[in-house]
């Protein structure tokens, strides 16, 4: 059985597969912003090739597939994309400033993030 991880980024889609013995195989494919599934499927094809099986056989033997993306995080940090609003539950208005995934000490609630986040944040 395989566990597969997929991370769709702005330029590349990264994939990793681990089997029951601990063997780990990596693959990369160009991301396809117009239709992210195209880059994911190409990456899965490359991952299967590196494992020496077909994509169908690899997926049939997969018990967990985890997907993540940094596309939204990158758009926020680069201030690209549509203007949006963020509504949060009371007491969580600092979620953008916290940027949990980008802090050196991610679980340290006293750790300060680097500058550049939360531009234009309006609090009411």
Foldseek 3Di string as FASTA:
>chain_A
DKEKEWEAEPFKIKMWIADPVGDIDIFIFGADVVDRVVRVVVRLQVRCVVVVHGSVVVVVPYPYYHYYYCHVVVCQQVVDDDDDDDDDDPPCLCVFQLPLVQFPPSPPSVGGHDPRTPVPPDDD
